[in-house]
PDB file of N, CA and C in Angstrom:
ATOM      1  N   MET A   1     103.084 125.336  95.718  1.00  0.00           N
ATOM      2  CA  MET A   1     102.164 125.218  94.602  1.00  0.00           C
ATOM      3  C   MET A   1     102.893 125.553  93.317  1.00  0.00           C
ATOM      4  N   SER A   2     102.511 124.881  92.236  1.00  0.00           N
ATOM      5  CA  SER A   2     103.051 125.226  90.929  1.00  0.00           C
ATOM      6  C   SER A   2     101.937 125.167  89.898  1.00  0.00           C
ATOM      7  N   ILE A   3     102.089 125.968  88.866  1.00  0.00           N
ATOM      8  CA  ILE A   3     101.136 126.008  87.762  1.00  0.00           C
ATOM      9  C   ILE A   3     101.934 125.909  86.478  1.00  0.00           C
ATOM     10  N   GLN A   4     101.499 125.050  85.567  1.00  0.00           N
ATOM     11  CA  GLN A   4     102.200 124.882  84.301  1.00  0.00           C
ATOM     12  C   GLN A   4     101.176 124.680  83.194  1.00  0.00           C
ATOM     13  N   THR A   5     101.314 125.422  82.105  1.00  0.00           N
ATOM     14  CA  THR A   5     100.435 125.191  80.964  1.00  0.00           C
ATOM     15  C   THR A   5     100.891 123.923  80.252  1.00  0.00           C
ATOM     16  N   HIS A   6      99.941 123.188  79.728  1.00  0.00           N
ATOM     17  CA  HIS A   6     100.256 121.891  79.123  1.00  0.00           C
ATOM     18  C   HIS A   6     101.135 122.011  77.893  1.00  0.00           C
ATOM     19  N   ASP A   7     101.075 123.138  77.192  1.00  0.00           N
ATOM     20  CA  ASP A   7     101.903 123.263  75.987  1.00  0.00           C
ATOM     21  C   ASP A   7     103.382 123.431  76.311  1.00  0.00           C
ATOM     22  N   THR A   8     103.730 123.605  77.584  1.00  0.00           N
ATOM     23  CA  THR A   8     105.141 123.699  77.975  1.00  0.00           C
ATOM     24  C   THR A   8     105.702 122.361  78.464  1.00  0.00           C
ATOM     25  N   ILE A   9     104.861 121.335  78.511  1.00  0.00           N
ATOM     26  CA  ILE A   9     105.283 120.016  78.990  1.00  0.00           C
ATOM     27  C   ILE A   9     105.767 119.185  77.806  1.00  0.00           C
ATOM     28  N   GLN A  10     106.909 118.553  77.971  1.00  0.00           N
ATOM     29  CA  GLN A  10     107.501 117.750  76.904  1.00  0.00           C
ATOM     30  C   GLN A  10     106.616 116.561  76.540  1.00  0.00           C
ATOM     31  N   SER A  11     106.467 116.331  75.243  1.00  0.00           N
ATOM     32  CA  SER A  11     105.749 115.161  74.729  1.00  0.00           C
ATOM     33  C   SER A  11     106.730 114.033  74.458  1.00  0.00           C
ATOM     34  N   HIS A  12     106.261 112.824  74.632  1.00  0.00           N
ATOM     35  CA  HIS A  12     107.025 111.624  74.286  1.00  0.00           C
ATOM     36  C   HIS A  12     106.127 110.771  73.400  1.00  0.00           C
ATOM     37  N   THR A  13     106.733 110.066  72.469  1.00  0.00           N
ATOM     38  CA  THR A  13     105.960 109.260  71.538  1.00  0.00           C
ATOM     39  C   THR A  13     106.469 107.827  71.526  1.00  0.00           C
ATOM     40  N   ILE A  14     105.524 106.903  71.616  1.00  0.00           N
ATOM     41  CA  ILE A  14     105.791 105.504  71.326  1.00  0.00           C
ATOM     42  C   ILE A  14     104.849 105.169  70.170  1.00  0.00           C
ATOM     43  N   PRO A  15     105.042 104.085  69.455  1.00  0.00           N
ATOM     44  CA  PRO A  15     104.198 103.831  68.285  1.00  0.00           C
ATOM     45  C   PRO A  15     102.703 103.948  68.597  1.00  0.00           C
ATOM     46  N   GLY A  16     102.044 104.903  67.938  1.00  0.00           N
ATOM     47  CA  GLY A  16     100.609 105.090  68.063  1.00  0.00           C
ATOM     48  C   GLY A  16     100.146 105.911  69.242  1.00  0.00           C
ATOM     49  N   ILE A  17     101.061 106.344  70.113  1.00  0.00           N
ATOM     50  CA  ILE A  17     100.668 107.064  71.328  1.00  0.00           C
ATOM     51  C   ILE A  17     101.584 108.260  71.555  1.00  0.00           C
ATOM     52  N   THR A  18     100.964 109.415  71.845  1.00  0.00           N
ATOM     53  CA  THR A  18     101.706 110.589  72.307  1.00  0.00           C
ATOM     54  C   THR A  18     101.364 110.779  73.778  1.00  0.00           C
ATOM     55  N   HIS A  19     102.374 111.067  74.593  1.00  0.00           N
ATOM     56  CA  HIS A  19     102.233 111.093  76.053  1.00  0.00           C
ATOM     57  C   HIS A  19     102.823 112.369  76.637  1.00  0.00           C
ATOM     58  N   LYS A  20     102.144 112.917  77.659  1.00  0.00           N
ATOM     59  CA  LYS A  20     102.697 113.982  78.503  1.00  0.00           C
ATOM     60  C   LYS A  20     102.437 113.602  79.956  1.00  0.00           C
ATOM     61  N   THR A  21     103.443 113.747  80.798  1.00  0.00           N
ATOM     62  CA  THR A  21     103.242 113.575  82.234  1.00  0.00           C
ATOM     63  C   THR A  21     102.876 114.939  82.798  1.00  0.00           C
ATOM     64  N   LEU A  22     101.624 115.099  83.245  1.00  0.00           N
ATOM     65  CA  LEU A  22     101.150 116.373  83.779  1.00  0.00           C
ATOM     66  C   LEU A  22     101.568 116.562  85.234  1.00  0.00           C
ATOM     67  N   ALA A  23     101.668 115.463  85.964  1.00  0.00           N
ATOM     68  CA  ALA A  23     102.113 115.510  87.358  1.00  0.00           C
ATOM     69  C   ALA A  23     102.837 114.208  87.655  1.00  0.00           C
ATOM     70  N   GLY A  24     104.042 114.318  88.191  1.00  0.00           N
ATOM     71  CA  GLY A  24     104.840 113.143  88.506  1.00  0.00           C
ATOM     72  C   GLY A  24     106.073 113.545  89.279  1.00  0.00           C
ATOM     73  N   PRO A  25     107.026 112.631  89.422  1.00  0.00           N
ATOM     74  CA  PRO A  25     108.223 112.914  90.211  1.00  0.00           C
ATOM     75  C   PRO A  25     108.967 114.168  89.758  1.00  0.00           C
ATOM     76  N   GLU A  26     109.005 114.405  88.441  1.00  0.00           N
ATOM     77  CA  GLU A  26     109.719 115.580  87.934  1.00  0.00           C
ATOM     78  C   GLU A  26     109.031 116.892  88.304  1.00  0.00           C
ATOM     79  N   HIS A  27     107.796 116.805  88.811  1.00  0.00           N
ATOM     80  CA  HIS A  27     107.058 117.989  89.247  1.00  0.00           C
ATOM     81  C   HIS A  27     106.978 118.055  90.775  1.00  0.00           C
ATOM     82  N   GLY A  28     107.668 117.158  91.453  1.00  0.00           N
ATOM     83  CA  GLY A  28     107.648 117.144  92.912  1.00  0.00           C
ATOM     84  C   GLY A  28     106.476 116.375  93.499  1.00  0.00           C
ATOM     85  N   VAL A  29     105.767 115.617  92.671  1.00  0.00           N
ATOM     86  CA  VAL A  29     104.625 114.827  93.135  1.00  0.00           C
ATOM     87  C   VAL A  29     105.131 113.431  93.501  1.00  0.00           C
ATOM     88  N   SER A  30     104.760 112.934  94.681  1.00  0.00           N
ATOM     89  CA  SER A  30     105.320 111.663  95.127  1.00  0.00           C
ATOM     90  C   SER A  30     104.299 110.551  95.330  1.00  0.00           C
ATOM     91  N   GLY A  31     103.004 110.831  95.368  1.00  0.00           N
ATOM     92  CA  GLY A  31     102.037 109.790  95.685  1.00  0.00           C
ATOM     93  C   GLY A  31     101.231 109.267  94.516  1.00  0.00           C
ATOM     94  N   PHE A  32     101.271 109.960  93.390  1.00  0.00           N
ATOM     95  CA  PHE A  32     100.494 109.557  92.223  1.00  0.00           C
ATOM     96  C   PHE A  32     101.088 110.224  90.991  1.00  0.00           C
ATOM     97  N   GLU A  33     100.602 109.825  89.810  1.00  0.00           N
ATOM     98  CA  GLU A  33     100.992 110.473  88.558  1.00  0.00           C
ATOM     99  C   GLU A  33      99.746 110.752  87.736  1.00  0.00           C
ATOM    100  N   VAL A  34      99.794 111.816  86.937  1.00  0.00           N
ATOM    101  CA  VAL A  34      98.718 112.158  86.016  1.00  0.00           C
ATOM    102  C   VAL A  34      99.320 112.223  84.624  1.00  0.00           C
ATOM    103  N   TRP A  35      98.755 111.437  83.717  1.00  0.00           N
ATOM    104  CA  TRP A  35      99.251 111.350  82.343  1.00  0.00           C
ATOM    105  C   TRP A  35      98.173 111.806  81.374  1.00  0.00           C
ATOM    106  N   GLU A  36      98.572 112.543  80.348  1.00  0.00           N
ATOM    107  CA  GLU A  36      97.687 112.883  79.235  1.00  0.00           C
ATOM    108  C   GLU A  36      98.199 112.132  78.014  1.00  0.00           C
ATOM    109  N   GLN A  37      97.288 111.471  77.308  1.00  0.00           N
ATOM    110  CA  GLN A  37      97.705 110.688  76.145  1.00  0.00           C
ATOM    111  C   GLN A  37      96.718 110.849  74.996  1.00  0.00           C
ATOM    112  N   TRP A  38      97.276 110.702  73.798  1.00  0.00           N
ATOM    113  CA  TRP A  38      96.508 110.680  72.564  1.00  0.00           C
ATOM    114  C   TRP A  38      96.858 109.366  71.878  1.00  0.00           C
ATOM    115  N   ILE A  39      95.849 108.532  71.634  1.00  0.00           N
ATOM    116  CA  ILE A  39      96.063 107.245  70.975  1.00  0.00           C
ATOM    117  C   ILE A  39      95.501 107.349  69.559  1.00  0.00           C
ATOM    118  N   GLU A  40      96.339 107.074  68.598  1.00  0.00           N
ATOM    119  CA  GLU A  40      95.948 107.172  67.190  1.00  0.00           C
ATOM    120  C   GLU A  40      94.887 106.121  66.847  1.00  0.00           C
ATOM    121  N   PRO A  41      94.087 106.375  65.802  1.00  0.00           N
ATOM    122  CA  PRO A  41      93.073 105.399  65.402  1.00  0.00           C
ATOM    123  C   PRO A  41      93.676 104.009  65.166  1.00  0.00           C
ATOM    124  N   HIS A  42      92.981 103.014  65.679  1.00  0.00           N
ATOM    125  CA  HIS A  42      93.337 101.601  65.495  1.00  0.00           C
ATOM    126  C   HIS A  42      94.706 101.251  66.089  1.00  0.00           C
ATOM    127  N   GLN A  43      95.094 101.982  67.132  1.00  0.00           N
ATOM    128  CA  GLN A  43      96.325 101.702  67.877  1.00  0.00           C
ATOM    129  C   GLN A  43      95.943 101.367  69.316  1.00  0.00           C
ATOM    130  N   ALA A  44      96.909 100.896  70.102  1.00  0.00           N
ATOM    131  CA  ALA A  44      96.615 100.456  71.466  1.00  0.00           C
ATOM    132  C   ALA A  44      97.819 100.634  72.373  1.00  0.00           C
ATOM    133  N   THR A  45      97.537 100.706  73.670  1.00  0.00           N
ATOM    134  CA  THR A  45      98.615 100.648  74.651  1.00  0.00           C
ATOM    135  C   THR A  45      99.138  99.214  74.677  1.00  0.00           C
ATOM    136  N   PRO A  46     100.342  99.008  75.182  1.00  0.00           N
ATOM    137  CA  PRO A  46     100.782  97.623  75.394  1.00  0.00           C
ATOM    138  C   PRO A  46      99.895  96.959  76.456  1.00  0.00           C
ATOM    139  N   MET A  47      99.757  95.659  76.395  1.00  0.00           N
ATOM    140  CA  MET A  47      99.102  94.917  77.467  1.00  0.00           C
ATOM    141  C   MET A  47     100.033  95.028  78.672  1.00  0.00           C
ATOM    142  N   HIS A  48      99.510  95.476  79.823  1.00  0.00           N
ATOM    143  CA  HIS A  48     100.383  95.746  80.961  1.00  0.00           C
ATOM    144  C   HIS A  48      99.600  95.733  82.271  1.00  0.00           C
ATOM    145  N   ARG A  49     100.339  95.875  83.360  1.00  0.00           N
ATOM    146  CA  ARG A  49      99.752  96.020  84.689  1.00  0.00           C
ATOM    147  C   ARG A  49     100.705  96.833  85.548  1.00  0.00           C
ATOM    148  N   HIS A  50     100.205  97.308  86.679  1.00  0.00           N
ATOM    149  CA  HIS A  50     101.026  98.025  87.654  1.00  0.00           C
ATOM    150  C   HIS A  50     100.375  97.860  89.021  1.00  0.00           C
ATOM    151  N   ASN A  51     101.174  98.023  90.050  1.00  0.00           N
ATOM    152  CA  ASN A  51     100.725  97.768  91.417  1.00  0.00           C
ATOM    153  C   ASN A  51     100.005  98.982  91.992  1.00  0.00           C
ATOM    154  N   CYS A  52      99.045  99.511  91.234  1.00  0.00           N
ATOM    155  CA  CYS A  52      98.244 100.640  91.712  1.00  0.00           C
ATOM    156  C   CYS A  52      96.970 100.712  90.889  1.00  0.00           C
ATOM    157  N   GLU A  53      95.977 101.369  91.443  1.00  0.00           N
ATOM    158  CA  GLU A  53      94.758 101.631  90.693  1.00  0.00           C
ATOM    159  C   GLU A  53      95.042 102.682  89.625  1.00  0.00           C
ATOM    160  N   GLU A  54      94.236 102.650  88.559  1.00  0.00           N
ATOM    161  CA  GLU A  54      94.340 103.646  87.498  1.00  0.00           C
ATOM    162  C   GLU A  54      92.930 104.109  87.149  1.00  0.00           C
ATOM    163  N   VAL A  55      92.753 105.416  87.089  1.00  0.00           N
ATOM    164  CA  VAL A  55      91.485 106.007  86.678  1.00  0.00           C
ATOM    165  C   VAL A  55      91.748 106.752  85.381  1.00  0.00           C
ATOM    166  N   ILE A  56      91.007 106.398  84.329  1.00  0.00           N
ATOM    167  CA  ILE A  56      91.223 106.945  82.993  1.00  0.00           C
ATOM    168  C   ILE A  56      89.956 107.669  82.561  1.00  0.00           C
ATOM    169  N   THR A  57      90.072 108.951  82.263  1.00  0.00           N
ATOM    170  CA  THR A  57      88.951 109.721  81.739  1.00  0.00           C
ATOM    171  C   THR A  57      89.182 109.949  80.255  1.00  0.00           C
ATOM    172  N   VAL A  58      88.227 109.500  79.446  1.00  0.00           N
ATOM    173  CA  VAL A  58      88.331 109.584  77.991  1.00  0.00           C
ATOM    174  C   VAL A  58      87.495 110.768  77.521  1.00  0.00           C
ATOM    175  N   PHE A  59      88.146 111.713  76.843  1.00  0.00           N
ATOM    176  CA  PHE A  59      87.473 112.923  76.372  1.00  0.00           C
ATOM    177  C   PHE A  59      86.978 112.798  74.937  1.00  0.00           C
ATOM    178  N   SER A  60      87.696 112.035  74.111  1.00  0.00           N
ATOM    179  CA  SER A  60      87.269 111.844  72.725  1.00  0.00           C
ATOM    180  C   SER A  60      87.742 110.485  72.241  1.00  0.00           C
ATOM    181  N   GLY A  61      87.040 109.974  71.248  1.00  0.00           N
ATOM    182  CA  GLY A  61      87.400 108.693  70.662  1.00  0.00           C
ATOM    183  C   GLY A  61      86.468 107.582  71.103  1.00  0.00           C
ATOM    184  N   LYS A  62      86.682 106.426  70.509  1.00  0.00           N
ATOM    185  CA  LYS A  62      85.898 105.227  70.801  1.00  0.00           C
ATOM    186  C   LYS A  62      86.886 104.105  71.059  1.00  0.00           C
ATOM    187  N   GLY A  63      86.678 103.381  72.141  1.00  0.00           N
ATOM    188  CA  GLY A  63      87.669 102.379  72.482  1.00  0.00           C
ATOM    189  C   GLY A  63      87.104 101.094  73.029  1.00  0.00           C
ATOM    190  N   GLU A  64      88.052 100.209  73.286  1.00  0.00           N
ATOM    191  CA  GLU A  64      87.779  98.943  73.944  1.00  0.00           C
ATOM    192  C   GLU A  64      88.855  98.778  75.006  1.00  0.00           C
ATOM    193  N   VAL A  65      88.438  98.486  76.225  1.00  0.00           N
ATOM    194  CA  VAL A  65      89.390  98.191  77.284  1.00  0.00           C
ATOM    195  C   VAL A  65      89.332  96.691  77.542  1.00  0.00           C
ATOM    196  N   ILE A  66      90.496  96.097  77.680  1.00  0.00           N
ATOM    197  CA  ILE A  66      90.597  94.689  78.053  1.00  0.00           C
ATOM    198  C   ILE A  66      91.185  94.664  79.459  1.00  0.00           C
ATOM    199  N   VAL A  67      90.451  94.098  80.405  1.00  0.00           N
ATOM    200  CA  VAL A  67      90.907  93.991  81.794  1.00  0.00           C
ATOM    201  C   VAL A  67      90.796  92.531  82.202  1.00  0.00           C
ATOM    202  N   ASP A  68      91.955  91.932  82.486  1.00  0.00           N
ATOM    203  CA  ASP A  68      92.009  90.517  82.863  1.00  0.00           C
ATOM    204  C   ASP A  68      91.208  89.645  81.892  1.00  0.00           C
ATOM    205  N   GLY A  69      91.353  89.929  80.594  1.00  0.00           N
ATOM    206  CA  GLY A  69      90.727  89.130  79.550  1.00  0.00           C
ATOM    207  C   GLY A  69      89.310  89.522  79.181  1.00  0.00           C
ATOM    208  N   GLU A  70      88.672  90.398  79.958  1.00  0.00           N
ATOM    209  CA  GLU A  70      87.299  90.824  79.669  1.00  0.00           C
ATOM    210  C   GLU A  70      87.313  92.102  78.833  1.00  0.00           C
ATOM    211  N   ARG A  71      86.608  92.081  77.701  1.00  0.00           N
ATOM    212  CA  ARG A  71      86.575  93.214  76.772  1.00  0.00           C
ATOM    213  C   ARG A  71      85.298  94.031  76.981  1.00  0.00           C
ATOM    214  N   THR A  72      85.469  95.372  77.046  1.00  0.00           N
ATOM    215  CA  THR A  72      84.330  96.270  77.187  1.00  0.00           C
ATOM    216  C   THR A  72      84.556  97.484  76.300  1.00  0.00           C
ATOM    217  N   GLU A  73      83.556  97.828  75.493  1.00  0.00           N
ATOM    218  CA  GLU A  73      83.655  99.017  74.648  1.00  0.00           C
ATOM    219  C   GLU A  73      83.208 100.249  75.425  1.00  0.00           C
ATOM    220  N   PHE A  74      83.737 101.402  75.021  1.00  0.00           N
ATOM    221  CA  PHE A  74      83.379 102.673  75.646  1.00  0.00           C
ATOM    222  C   PHE A  74      83.516 103.783  74.615  1.00  0.00           C
ATOM    223  N   GLY A  75      82.940 104.922  74.929  1.00  0.00           N
ATOM    224  CA  GLY A  75      83.027 106.089  74.060  1.00  0.00           C
ATOM    225  C   GLY A  75      83.591 107.276  74.802  1.00  0.00           C
ATOM    226  N   ALA A  76      83.463 108.442  74.184  1.00  0.00           N
ATOM    227  CA  ALA A  76      83.940 109.681  74.793  1.00  0.00           C
ATOM    228  C   ALA A  76      83.130 109.989  76.052  1.00  0.00           C
ATOM    229  N   ASN A  77      83.696 110.854  76.891  1.00  0.00           N
ATOM    230  CA  ASN A  77      83.050 111.282  78.134  1.00  0.00           C
ATOM    231  C   ASN A  77      82.758 110.095  79.044  1.00  0.00           C
ATOM    232  N   THR A  78      83.769 109.235  79.171  1.00  0.00           N
ATOM    233  CA  THR A  78      83.668 108.015  79.965  1.00  0.00           C
ATOM    234  C   THR A  78      84.862 107.939  80.910  1.00  0.00           C
ATOM    235  N   THR A  79      84.643 107.426  82.109  1.00  0.00           N
ATOM    236  CA  THR A  79      85.735 107.193  83.048  1.00  0.00           C
ATOM    237  C   THR A  79      85.853 105.694  83.311  1.00  0.00           C
ATOM    238  N   LEU A  80      87.069 105.192  83.162  1.00  0.00           N
ATOM    239  CA  LEU A  80      87.380 103.782  83.394  1.00  0.00           C
ATOM    240  C   LEU A  80      88.150 103.672  84.706  1.00  0.00           C
ATOM    241  N   ARG A  81      87.851 102.671  85.504  1.00  0.00           N
ATOM    242  CA  ARG A  81      88.571 102.429  86.749  1.00  0.00           C
ATOM    243  C   ARG A  81      89.174 101.032  86.680  1.00  0.00           C
ATOM    244  N   VAL A  82      90.498 100.981  86.684  1.00  0.00           N
ATOM    245  CA  VAL A  82      91.209  99.709  86.543  1.00  0.00           C
ATOM    246  C   VAL A  82      91.818  99.346  87.900  1.00  0.00           C
ATOM    247  N   PRO A  83      91.510  98.157  88.433  1.00  0.00           N
ATOM    248  CA  PRO A  83      92.067  97.758  89.730  1.00  0.00           C
ATOM    249  C   PRO A  83      93.583  97.563  89.678  1.00  0.00           C
ATOM    250  N   ALA A  84      94.210  97.677  90.823  1.00  0.00           N
ATOM    251  CA  ALA A  84      95.647  97.414  90.930  1.00  0.00           C
ATOM    252  C   ALA A  84      95.943  95.992  90.467  1.00  0.00           C
ATOM    253  N   ASN A  85      97.051  95.834  89.759  1.00  0.00           N
ATOM    254  CA  ASN A  85      97.561  94.548  89.274  1.00  0.00           C
ATOM    255  C   ASN A  85      96.706  93.874  88.202  1.00  0.00           C
ATOM    256  N   ALA A  86      95.663  94.530  87.710  1.00  0.00           N
ATOM    257  CA  ALA A  86      94.869  93.952  86.621  1.00  0.00           C
ATOM    258  C   ALA A  86      95.643  94.109  85.311  1.00  0.00           C
ATOM    259  N   VAL A  87      95.750  93.036  84.560  1.00  0.00           N
ATOM    260  CA  VAL A  87      96.382  93.099  83.240  1.00  0.00           C
ATOM    261  C   VAL A  87      95.380  93.784  82.313  1.00  0.00           C
ATOM    262  N   HIS A  88      95.815  94.879  81.670  1.00  0.00           N
ATOM    263  CA  HIS A  88      94.870  95.663  80.880  1.00  0.00           C
ATOM    264  C   HIS A  88      95.512  96.315  79.660  1.00  0.00           C
ATOM    265  N   GLN A  89      94.631  96.744  78.759  1.00  0.00           N
ATOM    266  CA  GLN A  89      95.048  97.393  77.522  1.00  0.00           C
ATOM    267  C   GLN A  89      93.905  98.295  77.065  1.00  0.00           C
ATOM    268  N   ILE A  90      94.263  99.468  76.531  1.00  0.00           N
ATOM    269  CA  ILE A  90      93.296 100.388  75.935  1.00  0.00           C
ATOM    270  C   ILE A  90      93.500 100.352  74.427  1.00  0.00           C
ATOM    271  N   ASN A  91      92.442 100.030  73.687  1.00  0.00           N
ATOM    272  CA  ASN A  91      92.489  99.987  72.228  1.00  0.00           C
ATOM    273  C   ASN A  91      91.625 101.107  71.665  1.00  0.00           C
ATOM    274  N   ASN A  92      92.154 101.878  70.733  1.00  0.00           N
ATOM    275  CA  ASN A  92      91.350 102.855  70.008  1.00  0.00           C
ATOM    276  C   ASN A  92      90.742 102.116  68.820  1.00  0.00           C
ATOM    277  N   ILE A  93      89.444 101.855  68.880  1.00  0.00           N
ATOM    278  CA  ILE A  93      88.781 101.104  67.816  1.00  0.00           C
ATOM    279  C   ILE A  93      88.059 102.026  66.841  1.00  0.00           C
ATOM    280  N   GLY A  94      88.225 103.327  67.019  1.00  0.00           N
ATOM    281  CA  GLY A  94      87.548 104.291  66.162  1.00  0.00           C
ATOM    282  C   GLY A  94      88.458 104.874  65.102  1.00  0.00           C
ATOM    283  N   ASP A  95      87.901 105.830  64.365  1.00  0.00           N
ATOM    284  CA  ASP A  95      88.619 106.484  63.275  1.00  0.00           C
ATOM    285  C   ASP A  95      89.136 107.865  63.646  1.00  0.00           C
ATOM    286  N   GLU A  96      88.989 108.268  64.907  1.00  0.00           N
ATOM    287  CA  GLU A  96      89.541 109.540  65.357  1.00  0.00           C
ATOM    288  C   GLU A  96      90.512 109.299  66.512  1.00  0.00           C
ATOM    289  N   VAL A  97      91.362 110.273  66.753  1.00  0.00           N
ATOM    290  CA  VAL A  97      92.325 110.171  67.853  1.00  0.00           C
ATOM    291  C   VAL A  97      91.572 110.116  69.179  1.00  0.00           C
ATOM    292  N   MET A  98      91.979 109.206  70.044  1.00  0.00           N
ATOM    293  CA  MET A  98      91.428 109.132  71.393  1.00  0.00           C
ATOM    294  C   MET A  98      92.259 110.035  72.298  1.00  0.00           C
ATOM    295  N   HIS A  99      91.598 110.890  73.070  1.00  0.00           N
ATOM    296  CA  HIS A  99      92.272 111.779  74.019  1.00  0.00           C
ATOM    297  C   HIS A  99      91.833 111.374  75.416  1.00  0.00           C
ATOM    298  N   LEU A 100      92.804 111.138  76.303  1.00  0.00           N
ATOM    299  CA  LEU A 100      92.484 110.702  77.657  1.00  0.00           C
ATOM    300  C   LEU A 100      93.453 111.291  78.669  1.00  0.00           C
ATOM    301  N   VAL A 101      93.023 111.299  79.915  1.00  0.00           N
ATOM    302  CA  VAL A 101      93.883 111.635  81.046  1.00  0.00           C
ATOM    303  C   VAL A 101      93.764 110.492  82.045  1.00  0.00           C
ATOM    304  N   ALA A 102      94.915 109.977  82.476  1.00  0.00           N
ATOM    305  CA  ALA A 102      94.957 108.857  83.416  1.00  0.00           C
ATOM    306  C   ALA A 102      95.634 109.295  84.709  1.00  0.00           C
ATOM    307  N   THR A 103      95.050 108.909  85.827  1.00  0.00           N
ATOM    308  CA  THR A 103      95.653 109.132  87.137  1.00  0.00           C
ATOM    309  C   THR A 103      96.002 107.768  87.709  1.00  0.00           C
ATOM    310  N   LEU A 104      97.265 107.618  88.087  1.00  0.00           N
ATOM    311  CA  LEU A 104      97.772 106.344  88.597  1.00  0.00           C
ATOM    312  C   LEU A 104      98.219 106.536  90.040  1.00  0.00           C
ATOM    313  N   GLY A 105      97.865 105.602  90.908  1.00  0.00           N
ATOM    314  CA  GLY A 105      98.063 105.746  92.338  1.00  0.00           C
ATOM    315  C   GLY A 105      99.431 105.377  92.862  1.00  0.00           C
ATOM    316  N   MET A 106     100.483 105.632  92.108  1.00  0.00           N
ATOM    317  CA  MET A 106     101.846 105.451  92.602  1.00  0.00           C
ATOM    318  C   MET A 106     102.772 106.356  91.803  1.00  0.00           C
ATOM    319  N   SER A 107     103.915 106.643  92.364  1.00  0.00           N
ATOM    320  CA  SER A 107     104.902 107.462  91.663  1.00  0.00           C
ATOM    321  C   SER A 107     106.286 107.114  92.201  1.00  0.00           C
ATOM    322  N   PRO A 108     107.181 106.643  91.327  1.00  0.00           N
ATOM    323  CA  PRO A 108     106.957 106.456  89.899  1.00  0.00           C
ATOM    324  C   PRO A 108     106.128 105.206  89.632  1.00  0.00           C
ATOM    325  N   VAL A 109     105.430 105.231  88.495  1.00  0.00           N
ATOM    326  CA  VAL A 109     104.673 104.065  88.049  1.00  0.00           C
ATOM    327  C   VAL A 109     105.672 103.027  87.541  1.00  0.00           C
ATOM    328  N   ILE A 110     105.507 101.788  87.980  1.00  0.00           N
ATOM    329  CA  ILE A 110     106.395 100.700  87.555  1.00  0.00           C
ATOM    330  C   ILE A 110     105.560  99.730  86.721  1.00  0.00           C
ATOM    331  N   PRO A 111     105.596  99.882  85.385  1.00  0.00           N
ATOM    332  CA  PRO A 111     104.782  99.002  84.541  1.00  0.00           C
ATOM    333  C   PRO A 111     105.414  97.623  84.389  1.00  0.00           C
ATOM    334  N   GLN A 112     104.552  96.640  84.252  1.00  0.00           N
ATOM    335  CA  GLN A 112     104.978  95.260  84.010  1.00  0.00           C
ATOM    336  C   GLN A 112     104.180  94.715  82.832  1.00  0.00           C
ATOM    337  N   ASP A 113     104.779  93.796  82.087  1.00  0.00           N
ATOM    338  CA  ASP A 113     104.018  93.124  81.042  1.00  0.00           C
ATOM    339  C   ASP A 113     103.097  92.094  81.700  1.00  0.00           C
ATOM    340  N   ALA A 114     102.325  91.391  80.902  1.00  0.00           N
ATOM    341  CA  ALA A 114     101.347  90.436  81.433  1.00  0.00           C
ATOM    342  C   ALA A 114     101.987  89.322  82.253  1.00  0.00           C
ATOM    343  N   ASP A 115     103.277  89.032  82.002  1.00  0.00           N
ATOM    344  CA  ASP A 115     103.988  87.993  82.746  1.00  0.00           C
ATOM    345  C   ASP A 115     104.690  88.516  83.994  1.00  0.00           C
ATOM    346  N   GLY A 116     104.560  89.821  84.270  1.00  0.00           N
ATOM    347  CA  GLY A 116     105.170  90.401  85.457  1.00  0.00           C
ATOM    348  C   GLY A 116     106.564  90.947  85.263  1.00  0.00           C
ATOM    349  N   ASN A 117     107.047  90.997  84.027  1.00  0.00           N
ATOM    350  CA  ASN A 117     108.375  91.556  83.747  1.00  0.00           C
ATOM    351  C   ASN A 117     108.293  93.076  83.672  1.00  0.00           C
ATOM    352  N   VAL A 118     109.120  93.751  84.449  1.00  0.00           N
ATOM    353  CA  VAL A 118     109.140  95.216  84.457  1.00  0.00           C
ATOM    354  C   VAL A 118     109.704  95.717  83.135  1.00  0.00           C
ATOM    355  N   PHE A 119     109.085  96.776  82.594  1.00  0.00           N
ATOM    356  CA  PHE A 119     109.635  97.402  81.393  1.00  0.00           C
ATOM    357  C   PHE A 119     109.669  98.913  81.577  1.00  0.00           C
ATOM    358  N   ALA A 120     110.570  99.557  80.867  1.00  0.00           N
ATOM    359  CA  ALA A 120     110.774 101.001  81.000  1.00  0.00           C
ATOM    360  C   ALA A 120     109.869 101.760  80.039  1.00  0.00           C
ATOM    361  N   LEU A 121     109.435 102.929  80.469  1.00  0.00           N
ATOM    362  CA  LEU A 121     108.678 103.839  79.620  1.00  0.00           C
ATOM    363  C   LEU A 121     109.592 104.978  79.189  1.00  0.00           C
ATOM    364  N   PRO A 122     109.523 105.408  77.935  1.00  0.00           N
ATOM    365  CA  PRO A 122     110.450 106.446  77.452  1.00  0.00           C
ATOM    366  C   PRO A 122     110.406 107.726  78.277  1.00  0.00           C
ATOM    367  N   TRP A 123     109.237 108.124  78.742  1.00  0.00           N
ATOM    368  CA  TRP A 123     109.143 109.361  79.514  1.00  0.00           C
ATOM    369  C   TRP A 123     109.742 109.210  80.902  1.00  0.00           C
ATOM    370  N   GLN A 124     109.850 108.017  81.427  1.00  0.00           N
ATOM    371  CA  GLN A 124     110.502 107.821  82.719  1.00  0.00           C
ATOM    372  C   GLN A 124     112.011 107.796  82.575  1.00  0.00           C
ATOM    373  N   GLN A 125     112.523 107.354  81.449  1.00  0.00           N
ATOM    374  CA  GLN A 125     113.964 107.299  81.235  1.00  0.00           C
ATOM    375  C   GLN A 125     114.565 108.692  81.166  1.00  0.00           C
ATOM    376  N   GLN A 126     113.762 109.684  80.762  1.00  0.00           N
ATOM    377  CA  GLN A 126     114.264 111.044  80.623  1.00  0.00           C
ATOM    378  C   GLN A 126     113.889 111.913  81.806  1.00  0.00           C
ATOM    379  N   ALA A 127     113.144 111.361  82.769  1.00  0.00           N
ATOM    380  CA  ALA A 127     112.709 112.150  83.927  1.00  0.00           C
ATOM    381  C   ALA A 127     113.853 112.391  84.883  1.00  0.00           C
TER     382      ALA A 127
END
C-alpha cells in the first residue's frame, strides 16, 4: 500500500490543460490509470481515442463532450462514461476552470488521434 498527497505529485502542462497522474505505472499500478486534470476556460483536450473505457468525474466547470461525433453538454458533479475506442474530446465551454478526475482501464494508456495514429503524452515521456 502507498499513500501520497496530491501536492507532492508532479504537474505537467499542455496548452490549456494541467495534468497529474494520481495512479499509474510510476506508482506500481498496472491495470488502470487515474488522472487529475484542470482544463482552462474555452480550452479542450485533443480529439483522441484509446483501447480502454474511460470514466470521467467532473467536479467543477461546464463542458461539452464529443463522442463519435455526438455532442452532449454537462455541468459540475457529473460522471461521463466513454466506451473503449470511441473518438472523443472534452471541451470546457464555461468561464471557469474545469476540474476532473479520469480513470482509464489500461496502463500505460496508449492514446491515438482520430485516424488511429499513436501520439505521446508529456507525462508519459517523463514516467
